[in-house]
Amino acid sequence: MRGKITPLMAVLLVLAAIGIFATLRESPGLLLIPAVVFGIVFLLYKYPPDRLRKRNYRAPRQPARDRRKTGSGPSSRRKAVPFRVIEGGRDDDGDRPKYH
């Protein structure tokens, strides 16, 4: 249903356009303040100030070749352990199936 304009939406758009044109004809300064505020918000969203960017800065990572030399990779963090089953301490009830 995306992309389709319903009759209600068409009526609302036409009424909004008529209202904007009537306001521009009678007193154009009335729409100047909302347009300026919208423009400032849009520019701040599109081009944020530099101080906001510095907060999200990450330090550059060590190249993969150097990480392998120092042993700080994922292989040194994890120890190879064979698979083993740990027996639980639950009482076995006769009404429960064994595969459950």
PDB file of N, CA and C in Angstrom:
ATOM      1  N   MET A   1       0.820  -1.184   0.000  1.00  0.00           N
ATOM      2  CA  MET A   1       0.000   0.000   0.000  1.00  0.00           C
ATOM      3  C   MET A   1       0.872   1.259   0.000  1.00  0.00           C
ATOM      4  N   ARG A   2       2.184   1.090   0.017  1.00  0.00           N
ATOM      5  CA  ARG A   2       3.055   2.250  -0.058  1.00  0.00           C
ATOM      6  C   ARG A   2       2.965   2.866  -1.442  1.00  0.00           C
ATOM      7  N   GLY A   3       3.084   4.162  -1.500  1.00  0.00           N
ATOM      8  CA  GLY A   3       3.064   4.849  -2.769  1.00  0.00           C
ATOM      9  C   GLY A   3       1.680   5.255  -3.227  1.00  0.00           C
ATOM     10  N   LYS A   4       0.653   4.681  -2.670  1.00  0.00           N
ATOM     11  CA  LYS A   4      -0.711   5.057  -3.044  1.00  0.00           C
ATOM     12  C   LYS A   4      -1.168   6.221  -2.179  1.00  0.00           C
ATOM     13  N   ILE A   5      -1.819   7.168  -2.803  1.00  0.00           N
ATOM     14  CA  ILE A   5      -2.372   8.295  -2.067  1.00  0.00           C
ATOM     15  C   ILE A   5      -3.854   8.035  -1.886  1.00  0.00           C
ATOM     16  N   THR A   6      -4.257   7.929  -0.647  1.00  0.00           N
ATOM     17  CA  THR A   6      -5.661   7.682  -0.344  1.00  0.00           C
ATOM     18  C   THR A   6      -6.456   8.974  -0.571  1.00  0.00           C
ATOM     19  N   PRO A   7      -7.749   8.874  -0.742  1.00  0.00           N
ATOM     20  CA  PRO A   7      -8.563  10.095  -0.929  1.00  0.00           C
ATOM     21  C   PRO A   7      -8.461  11.051   0.256  1.00  0.00           C
ATOM     22  N   LEU A   8      -8.395  10.520   1.460  1.00  0.00           N
ATOM     23  CA  LEU A   8      -8.260  11.378   2.639  1.00  0.00           C
ATOM     24  C   LEU A   8      -6.935  12.135   2.609  1.00  0.00           C
ATOM     25  N   MET A   9      -5.863  11.448   2.232  1.00  0.00           N
ATOM     26  CA  MET A   9      -4.551  12.090   2.166  1.00  0.00           C
ATOM     27  C   MET A   9      -4.538  13.166   1.079  1.00  0.00           C
ATOM     28  N   ALA A  10      -5.190  12.915  -0.057  1.00  0.00           N
ATOM     29  CA  ALA A  10      -5.254  13.902  -1.136  1.00  0.00           C
ATOM     30  C   ALA A  10      -6.000  15.151  -0.690  1.00  0.00           C
ATOM     31  N   VAL A  11      -7.110  14.977   0.024  1.00  0.00           N
ATOM     32  CA  VAL A  11      -7.874  16.126   0.526  1.00  0.00           C
ATOM     33  C   VAL A  11      -7.034  16.937   1.509  1.00  0.00           C
ATOM     34  N   LEU A  12      -6.337  16.245   2.404  1.00  0.00           N
ATOM     35  CA  LEU A  12      -5.494  16.951   3.382  1.00  0.00           C
ATOM     36  C   LEU A  12      -4.361  17.710   2.705  1.00  0.00           C
ATOM     37  N   LEU A  13      -3.743  17.105   1.688  1.00  0.00           N
ATOM     38  CA  LEU A  13      -2.666  17.800   0.976  1.00  0.00           C
ATOM     39  C   LEU A  13      -3.175  19.031   0.239  1.00  0.00           C
ATOM     40  N   VAL A  14      -4.337  18.924  -0.390  1.00  0.00           N
ATOM     41  CA  VAL A  14      -4.916  20.071  -1.101  1.00  0.00           C
ATOM     42  C   VAL A  14      -5.252  21.185  -0.122  1.00  0.00           C
ATOM     43  N   LEU A  15      -5.856  20.839   1.019  1.00  0.00           N
ATOM     44  CA  LEU A  15      -6.182  21.866   2.020  1.00  0.00           C
ATOM     45  C   LEU A  15      -4.927  22.510   2.596  1.00  0.00           C
ATOM     46  N   ALA A  16      -3.884  21.732   2.820  1.00  0.00           N
ATOM     47  CA  ALA A  16      -2.631  22.292   3.323  1.00  0.00           C
ATOM     48  C   ALA A  16      -2.017  23.235   2.294  1.00  0.00           C
ATOM     49  N   ALA A  17      -2.038  22.868   1.019  1.00  0.00           N
ATOM     50  CA  ALA A  17      -1.492  23.731  -0.025  1.00  0.00           C
ATOM     51  C   ALA A  17      -2.285  25.029  -0.119  1.00  0.00           C
ATOM     52  N   ILE A  18      -3.606  24.945  -0.034  1.00  0.00           N
ATOM     53  CA  ILE A  18      -4.433  26.158  -0.073  1.00  0.00           C
ATOM     54  C   ILE A  18      -4.112  27.057   1.113  1.00  0.00           C
ATOM     55  N   GLY A  19      -3.941  26.466   2.289  1.00  0.00           N
ATOM     56  CA  GLY A  19      -3.610  27.256   3.472  1.00  0.00           C
ATOM     57  C   GLY A  19      -2.253  27.929   3.367  1.00  0.00           C
ATOM     58  N   ILE A  20      -1.279  27.221   2.816  1.00  0.00           N
ATOM     59  CA  ILE A  20       0.060  27.815   2.668  1.00  0.00           C
ATOM     60  C   ILE A  20       0.027  28.958   1.656  1.00  0.00           C
ATOM     61  N   PHE A  21      -0.644  28.770   0.525  1.00  0.00           N
ATOM     62  CA  PHE A  21      -0.719  29.839  -0.475  1.00  0.00           C
ATOM     63  C   PHE A  21      -1.485  31.045   0.050  1.00  0.00           C
ATOM     64  N   ALA A  22      -2.564  30.824   0.804  1.00  0.00           N
ATOM     65  CA  ALA A  22      -3.325  31.944   1.359  1.00  0.00           C
ATOM     66  C   ALA A  22      -2.485  32.716   2.373  1.00  0.00           C
ATOM     67  N   THR A  23      -1.715  32.001   3.177  1.00  0.00           N
ATOM     68  CA  THR A  23      -0.862  32.670   4.159  1.00  0.00           C
ATOM     69  C   THR A  23       0.244  33.453   3.466  1.00  0.00           C
ATOM     70  N   LEU A  24       0.822  32.886   2.416  1.00  0.00           N
ATOM     71  CA  LEU A  24       1.866  33.600   1.679  1.00  0.00           C
ATOM     72  C   LEU A  24       1.321  34.861   1.013  1.00  0.00           C
ATOM     73  N   ARG A  25       0.103  34.815   0.534  1.00  0.00           N
ATOM     74  CA  ARG A  25      -0.495  35.966  -0.144  1.00  0.00           C
ATOM     75  C   ARG A  25      -0.814  37.083   0.848  1.00  0.00           C
ATOM     76  N   GLU A  26      -1.349  36.716   2.031  1.00  0.00           N
ATOM     77  CA  GLU A  26      -1.777  37.736   2.991  1.00  0.00           C
ATOM     78  C   GLU A  26      -0.614  38.279   3.817  1.00  0.00           C
ATOM     79  N   SER A  27       0.193  37.377   4.404  1.00  0.00           N
ATOM     80  CA  SER A  27       1.315  37.838   5.236  1.00  0.00           C
ATOM     81  C   SER A  27       2.492  36.857   5.084  1.00  0.00           C
ATOM     82  N   PRO A  28       3.370  37.145   4.153  1.00  0.00           N
ATOM     83  CA  PRO A  28       4.465  36.212   3.891  1.00  0.00           C
ATOM     84  C   PRO A  28       5.453  36.103   5.061  1.00  0.00           C
ATOM     85  N   GLY A  29       5.527  37.108   5.910  1.00  0.00           N
ATOM     86  CA  GLY A  29       6.460  37.070   7.041  1.00  0.00           C
ATOM     87  C   GLY A  29       6.073  36.044   8.092  1.00  0.00           C
ATOM     88  N   LEU A  30       4.825  35.631   8.068  1.00  0.00           N
ATOM     89  CA  LEU A  30       4.351  34.667   9.058  1.00  0.00           C
ATOM     90  C   LEU A  30       4.988  33.290   8.868  1.00  0.00           C
ATOM     91  N   LEU A  31       5.301  32.936   7.644  1.00  0.00           N
ATOM     92  CA  LEU A  31       5.936  31.648   7.377  1.00  0.00           C
ATOM     93  C   LEU A  31       7.457  31.719   7.378  1.00  0.00           C
ATOM     94  N   LEU A  32       8.004  32.933   7.547  1.00  0.00           N
ATOM     95  CA  LEU A  32       9.455  33.092   7.507  1.00  0.00           C
ATOM     96  C   LEU A  32      10.128  32.417   8.700  1.00  0.00           C
ATOM     97  N   ILE A  33       9.606  32.581   9.888  1.00  0.00           N
ATOM     98  CA  ILE A  33      10.218  32.006  11.096  1.00  0.00           C
ATOM     99  C   ILE A  33      10.194  30.478  11.060  1.00  0.00           C
ATOM    100  N   PRO A  34       9.062  29.830  10.772  1.00  0.00           N
ATOM    101  CA  PRO A  34       9.112  28.358  10.693  1.00  0.00           C
ATOM    102  C   PRO A  34      10.048  27.851   9.600  1.00  0.00           C
ATOM    103  N   ALA A  35      10.141  28.556   8.476  1.00  0.00           N
ATOM    104  CA  ALA A  35      11.040  28.122   7.409  1.00  0.00           C
ATOM    105  C   ALA A  35      12.495  28.230   7.846  1.00  0.00           C
ATOM    106  N   VAL A  36      12.843  29.304   8.551  1.00  0.00           N
ATOM    107  CA  VAL A  36      14.217  29.475   9.034  1.00  0.00           C
ATOM    108  C   VAL A  36      14.558  28.405  10.071  1.00  0.00           C
ATOM    109  N   VAL A  37      13.637  28.139  11.001  1.00  0.00           N
ATOM    110  CA  VAL A  37      13.883  27.110  12.019  1.00  0.00           C
ATOM    111  C   VAL A  37      14.042  25.740  11.370  1.00  0.00           C
ATOM    112  N   PHE A  38      13.179  25.424  10.416  1.00  0.00           N
ATOM    113  CA  PHE A  38      13.295  24.145   9.714  1.00  0.00           C
ATOM    114  C   PHE A  38      14.627  24.046   8.977  1.00  0.00           C
ATOM    115  N   GLY A  39      15.046  25.135   8.330  1.00  0.00           N
ATOM    116  CA  GLY A  39      16.325  25.136   7.615  1.00  0.00           C
ATOM    117  C   GLY A  39      17.504  24.932   8.538  1.00  0.00           C
ATOM    118  N   ILE A  40      17.495  25.565   9.710  1.00  0.00           N
ATOM    119  CA  ILE A  40      18.589  25.407  10.668  1.00  0.00           C
ATOM    120  C   ILE A  40      18.644  23.977  11.199  1.00  0.00           C
ATOM    121  N   VAL A  41      17.494  23.418  11.532  1.00  0.00           N
ATOM    122  CA  VAL A  41      17.455  22.038  12.025  1.00  0.00           C
ATOM    123  C   VAL A  41      17.953  21.073  10.948  1.00  0.00           C
ATOM    124  N   PHE A  42      17.544  21.298   9.715  1.00  0.00           N
ATOM    125  CA  PHE A  42      17.986  20.427   8.619  1.00  0.00           C
ATOM    126  C   PHE A  42      19.487  20.521   8.419  1.00  0.00           C
ATOM    127  N   LEU A  43      20.041  21.729   8.446  1.00  0.00           N
ATOM    128  CA  LEU A  43      21.491  21.881   8.274  1.00  0.00           C
ATOM    129  C   LEU A  43      22.266  21.264   9.429  1.00  0.00           C
ATOM    130  N   LEU A  44      21.771  21.396  10.656  1.00  0.00           N
ATOM    131  CA  LEU A  44      22.454  20.773  11.795  1.00  0.00           C
ATOM    132  C   LEU A  44      22.385  19.254  11.719  1.00  0.00           C
ATOM    133  N   TYR A  45      21.299  18.727  11.184  1.00  0.00           N
ATOM    134  CA  TYR A  45      21.185  17.278  11.016  1.00  0.00           C
ATOM    135  C   TYR A  45      22.126  16.785   9.917  1.00  0.00           C
ATOM    136  N   LYS A  46      22.187  17.517   8.829  1.00  0.00           N
ATOM    137  CA  LYS A  46      23.008  17.107   7.687  1.00  0.00           C
ATOM    138  C   LYS A  46      24.491  17.312   7.966  1.00  0.00           C
ATOM    139  N   TYR A  47      24.850  18.405   8.589  1.00  0.00           N
ATOM    140  CA  TYR A  47      26.248  18.731   8.890  1.00  0.00           C
ATOM    141  C   TYR A  47      26.383  19.034  10.379  1.00  0.00           C
ATOM    142  N   PRO A  48      26.547  18.010  11.228  1.00  0.00           N
ATOM    143  CA  PRO A  48      26.638  18.263  12.671  1.00  0.00           C
ATOM    144  C   PRO A  48      27.928  19.000  13.033  1.00  0.00           C
ATOM    145  N   PRO A  49      27.919  19.731  14.129  1.00  0.00           N
ATOM    146  CA  PRO A  49      29.127  20.442  14.561  1.00  0.00           C
ATOM    147  C   PRO A  49      30.261  19.466  14.875  1.00  0.00           C
ATOM    148  N   ASP A  50      31.490  19.965  14.814  1.00  0.00           N
ATOM    149  CA  ASP A  50      32.660  19.103  15.025  1.00  0.00           C
ATOM    150  C   ASP A  50      32.742  18.548  16.430  1.00  0.00           C
ATOM    151  N   ARG A  51      32.286  19.258  17.414  1.00  0.00           N
ATOM    152  CA  ARG A  51      32.399  18.760  18.791  1.00  0.00           C
ATOM    153  C   ARG A  51      31.524  17.524  19.017  1.00  0.00           C
ATOM    154  N   LEU A  52      30.443  17.363  18.255  1.00  0.00           N
ATOM    155  CA  LEU A  52      29.636  16.156  18.369  1.00  0.00           C
ATOM    156  C   LEU A  52      30.326  14.970  17.717  1.00  0.00           C
ATOM    157  N   ARG A  53      31.111  15.208  16.695  1.00  0.00           N
ATOM    158  CA  ARG A  53      31.832  14.124  16.024  1.00  0.00           C
ATOM    159  C   ARG A  53      32.970  13.594  16.872  1.00  0.00           C
ATOM    160  N   LYS A  54      33.630  14.443  17.650  1.00  0.00           N
ATOM    161  CA  LYS A  54      34.778  14.008  18.448  1.00  0.00           C
ATOM    162  C   LYS A  54      34.371  13.024  19.535  1.00  0.00           C
ATOM    163  N   ARG A  55      33.165  13.095  20.004  1.00  0.00           N
ATOM    164  CA  ARG A  55      32.703  12.214  21.058  1.00  0.00           C
ATOM    165  C   ARG A  55      32.620  10.765  20.572  1.00  0.00           C
ATOM    166  N   ASN A  56      32.330  10.562  19.299  1.00  0.00           N
ATOM    167  CA  ASN A  56      32.184   9.228  18.742  1.00  0.00           C
ATOM    168  C   ASN A  56      33.474   8.722  18.104  1.00  0.00           C
ATOM    169  N   TYR A  57      34.590   9.392  18.342  1.00  0.00           N
ATOM    170  CA  TYR A  57      35.853   9.022  17.714  1.00  0.00           C
ATOM    171  C   TYR A  57      36.399   7.745  18.324  1.00  0.00           C
ATOM    172  N   ARG A  58      36.876   6.831  17.483  1.00  0.00           N
ATOM    173  CA  ARG A  58      37.513   5.608  17.955  1.00  0.00           C
ATOM    174  C   ARG A  58      39.001   5.662  17.636  1.00  0.00           C
ATOM    175  N   ALA A  59      39.791   5.124  18.520  1.00  0.00           N
ATOM    176  CA  ALA A  59      41.222   5.045  18.265  1.00  0.00           C
ATOM    177  C   ALA A  59      41.465   4.018  17.167  1.00  0.00           C
ATOM    178  N   PRO A  60      42.445   4.264  16.290  1.00  0.00           N
ATOM    179  CA  PRO A  60      42.702   3.294  15.225  1.00  0.00           C
ATOM    180  C   PRO A  60      43.207   1.974  15.796  1.00  0.00           C
ATOM    181  N   ARG A  61      42.771   0.875  15.184  1.00  0.00           N
ATOM    182  CA  ARG A  61      43.164  -0.453  15.650  1.00  0.00           C
ATOM    183  C   ARG A  61      44.523  -0.819  15.110  1.00  0.00           C
ATOM    184  N   GLN A  62      45.160  -1.715  15.828  1.00  0.00           N
ATOM    185  CA  GLN A  62      46.447  -2.231  15.422  1.00  0.00           C
ATOM    186  C   GLN A  62      46.244  -3.114  14.192  1.00  0.00           C
ATOM    187  N   PRO A  63      47.117  -3.037  13.184  1.00  0.00           N
ATOM    188  CA  PRO A  63      46.945  -3.888  12.001  1.00  0.00           C
ATOM    189  C   PRO A  63      46.938  -5.370  12.364  1.00  0.00           C
ATOM    190  N   ALA A  64      46.247  -6.163  11.558  1.00  0.00           N
ATOM    191  CA  ALA A  64      46.098  -7.588  11.841  1.00  0.00           C
ATOM    192  C   ALA A  64      47.434  -8.295  11.879  1.00  0.00           C
ATOM    193  N   ARG A  65      48.375  -7.861  11.052  1.00  0.00           N
ATOM    194  CA  ARG A  65      49.695  -8.493  11.023  1.00  0.00           C
ATOM    195  C   ARG A  65      50.400  -8.326  12.368  1.00  0.00           C
ATOM    196  N   ASP A  66      50.288  -7.141  12.984  1.00  0.00           N
ATOM    197  CA  ASP A  66      50.929  -6.902  14.273  1.00  0.00           C
ATOM    198  C   ASP A  66      50.192  -7.598  15.408  1.00  0.00           C
ATOM    199  N   ARG A  67      48.870  -7.736  15.308  1.00  0.00           N
ATOM    200  CA  ARG A  67      48.122  -8.436  16.355  1.00  0.00           C
ATOM    201  C   ARG A  67      48.531  -9.892  16.425  1.00  0.00           C
ATOM    202  N   ARG A  68      48.802 -10.499  15.261  1.00  0.00           N
ATOM    203  CA  ARG A  68      49.216 -11.905  15.265  1.00  0.00           C
ATOM    204  C   ARG A  68      50.559 -12.073  15.951  1.00  0.00           C
ATOM    205  N   LYS A  69      51.455 -11.116  15.803  1.00  0.00           N
ATOM    206  CA  LYS A  69      52.776 -11.212  16.412  1.00  0.00           C
ATOM    207  C   LYS A  69      52.694 -11.133  17.934  1.00  0.00           C
ATOM    208  N   THR A  70      51.846 -10.257  18.449  1.00  0.00           N
ATOM    209  CA  THR A  70      51.774 -10.067  19.890  1.00  0.00           C
ATOM    210  C   THR A  70      50.914 -11.117  20.571  1.00  0.00           C
ATOM    211  N   GLY A  71      50.112 -11.840  19.829  1.00  0.00           N
ATOM    212  CA  GLY A  71      49.284 -12.879  20.432  1.00  0.00           C
ATOM    213  C   GLY A  71      48.030 -12.346  21.072  1.00  0.00           C
ATOM    214  N   SER A  72      47.559 -11.189  20.647  1.00  0.00           N
ATOM    215  CA  SER A  72      46.342 -10.628  21.244  1.00  0.00           C
ATOM    216  C   SER A  72      45.119 -10.916  20.390  1.00  0.00           C
ATOM    217  N   GLY A  73      45.215 -11.872  19.500  1.00  0.00           N
ATOM    218  CA  GLY A  73      44.096 -12.205  18.633  1.00  0.00           C
ATOM    219  C   GLY A  73      43.107 -13.117  19.319  1.00  0.00           C
ATOM    220  N   PRO A  74      42.041 -13.489  18.627  1.00  0.00           N
ATOM    221  CA  PRO A  74      41.016 -14.340  19.231  1.00  0.00           C
ATOM    222  C   PRO A  74      41.505 -15.751  19.527  1.00  0.00           C
ATOM    223  N   SER A  75      42.541 -16.219  18.828  1.00  0.00           N
ATOM    224  CA  SER A  75      43.011 -17.581  19.066  1.00  0.00           C
ATOM    225  C   SER A  75      43.714 -17.701  20.411  1.00  0.00           C
ATOM    226  N   SER A  76      44.344 -16.629  20.892  1.00  0.00           N
ATOM    227  CA  SER A  76      45.027 -16.710  22.177  1.00  0.00           C
ATOM    228  C   SER A  76      44.056 -16.533  23.343  1.00  0.00           C
ATOM    229  N   ARG A  77      42.897 -15.978  23.118  1.00  0.00           N
ATOM    230  CA  ARG A  77      41.919 -15.776  24.177  1.00  0.00           C
ATOM    231  C   ARG A  77      41.162 -17.056  24.495  1.00  0.00           C
ATOM    232  N   ARG A  78      40.987 -17.912  23.525  1.00  0.00           N
ATOM    233  CA  ARG A  78      40.154 -19.088  23.681  1.00  0.00           C
ATOM    234  C   ARG A  78      41.022 -20.340  23.798  1.00  0.00           C
ATOM    235  N   LYS A  79      40.711 -21.147  24.758  1.00  0.00           N
ATOM    236  CA  LYS A  79      41.457 -22.372  24.972  1.00  0.00           C
ATOM    237  C   LYS A  79      40.699 -23.532  24.333  1.00  0.00           C
ATOM    238  N   ALA A  80      41.415 -24.380  23.622  1.00  0.00           N
ATOM    239  CA  ALA A  80      40.771 -25.513  22.969  1.00  0.00           C
ATOM    240  C   ALA A  80      40.453 -26.577  24.014  1.00  0.00           C
ATOM    241  N   VAL A  81      39.161 -26.840  24.239  1.00  0.00           N
ATOM    242  CA  VAL A  81      38.718 -27.812  25.227  1.00  0.00           C
ATOM    243  C   VAL A  81      37.870 -28.857  24.507  1.00  0.00           C
ATOM    244  N   PRO A  82      38.136 -30.134  24.734  1.00  0.00           N
ATOM    245  CA  PRO A  82      37.290 -31.144  24.092  1.00  0.00           C
ATOM    246  C   PRO A  82      35.880 -31.122  24.689  1.00  0.00           C
ATOM    247  N   PHE A  83      34.905 -31.560  23.899  1.00  0.00           N
ATOM    248  CA  PHE A  83      33.521 -31.565  24.330  1.00  0.00           C
ATOM    249  C   PHE A  83      33.324 -32.598  25.437  1.00  0.00           C
ATOM    250  N   ARG A  84      32.641 -32.204  26.503  1.00  0.00           N
ATOM    251  CA  ARG A  84      32.342 -33.151  27.575  1.00  0.00           C
ATOM    252  C   ARG A  84      30.963 -32.866  28.134  1.00  0.00           C
ATOM    253  N   VAL A  85      30.322 -33.887  28.633  1.00  0.00           N
ATOM    254  CA  VAL A  85      28.978 -33.790  29.178  1.00  0.00           C
ATOM    255  C   VAL A  85      29.080 -33.733  30.688  1.00  0.00           C
ATOM    256  N   ILE A  86      28.394 -32.756  31.272  1.00  0.00           N
ATOM    257  CA  ILE A  86      28.368 -32.644  32.729  1.00  0.00           C
ATOM    258  C   ILE A  86      27.044 -33.217  33.189  1.00  0.00           C
ATOM    259  N   GLU A  87      27.104 -34.224  34.038  1.00  0.00           N
ATOM    260  CA  GLU A  87      25.903 -34.874  34.538  1.00  0.00           C
ATOM    261  C   GLU A  87      25.188 -33.946  35.503  1.00  0.00           C
ATOM    262  N   GLY A  88      23.872 -33.845  35.349  1.00  0.00           N
ATOM    263  CA  GLY A  88      23.080 -33.005  36.231  1.00  0.00           C
ATOM    264  C   GLY A  88      22.669 -33.745  37.489  1.00  0.00           C
ATOM    265  N   GLY A  89      22.183 -33.017  38.481  1.00  0.00           N
ATOM    266  CA  GLY A  89      21.796 -33.625  39.738  1.00  0.00           C
ATOM    267  C   GLY A  89      20.294 -33.786  39.881  1.00  0.00           C
ATOM    268  N   ARG A  90      19.543 -33.739  38.815  1.00  0.00           N
ATOM    269  CA  ARG A  90      18.092 -33.837  38.871  1.00  0.00           C
ATOM    270  C   ARG A  90      17.680 -35.301  39.067  1.00  0.00           C
ATOM    271  N   ASP A  91      16.619 -35.467  39.862  1.00  0.00           N
ATOM    272  CA  ASP A  91      16.082 -36.817  40.046  1.00  0.00           C
ATOM    273  C   ASP A  91      15.356 -37.231  38.782  1.00  0.00           C
ATOM    274  N   ASP A  92      15.557 -38.474  38.360  1.00  0.00           N
ATOM    275  CA  ASP A  92      14.881 -38.971  37.170  1.00  0.00           C
ATOM    276  C   ASP A  92      13.494 -39.458  37.563  1.00  0.00           C
ATOM    277  N   ASP A  93      12.463 -38.837  36.985  1.00  0.00           N
ATOM    278  CA  ASP A  93      11.088 -39.273  37.215  1.00  0.00           C
ATOM    279  C   ASP A  93      10.727 -40.302  36.150  1.00  0.00           C
ATOM    280  N   GLY A  94       9.883 -41.260  36.520  1.00  0.00           N
ATOM    281  CA  GLY A  94       9.488 -42.301  35.583  1.00  0.00           C
ATOM    282  C   GLY A  94       8.559 -41.807  34.496  1.00  0.00           C
ATOM    283  N   ASP A  95       7.820 -40.694  34.735  1.00  0.00           N
ATOM    284  CA  ASP A  95       6.865 -40.228  33.741  1.00  0.00           C
ATOM    285  C   ASP A  95       7.508 -39.336  32.676  1.00  0.00           C
ATOM    286  N   ARG A  96       8.743 -38.918  32.860  1.00  0.00           N
ATOM    287  CA  ARG A  96       9.417 -38.091  31.868  1.00  0.00           C
ATOM    288  C   ARG A  96      10.132 -38.974  30.864  1.00  0.00           C
ATOM    289  N   PRO A  97      10.010 -38.682  29.592  1.00  0.00           N
ATOM    290  CA  PRO A  97      10.748 -39.471  28.600  1.00  0.00           C
ATOM    291  C   PRO A  97      12.249 -39.217  28.707  1.00  0.00           C
ATOM    292  N   LYS A  98      13.057 -40.171  28.301  1.00  0.00           N
ATOM    293  CA  LYS A  98      14.509 -40.070  28.421  1.00  0.00           C
ATOM    294  C   LYS A  98      15.098 -39.044  27.450  1.00  0.00           C
ATOM    295  N   TYR A  99      14.437 -38.822  26.296  1.00  0.00           N
ATOM    296  CA  TYR A  99      14.989 -37.907  25.298  1.00  0.00           C
ATOM    297  C   TYR A  99      14.637 -36.455  25.607  1.00  0.00           C
ATOM    298  N   HIS A 100      13.824 -36.188  26.560  1.00  0.00           N
ATOM    299  CA  HIS A 100      13.360 -34.838  26.870  1.00  0.00           C
ATOM    300  C   HIS A 100      14.404 -34.053  27.591  1.00  0.00           C
TER     301      HIS A 100
END
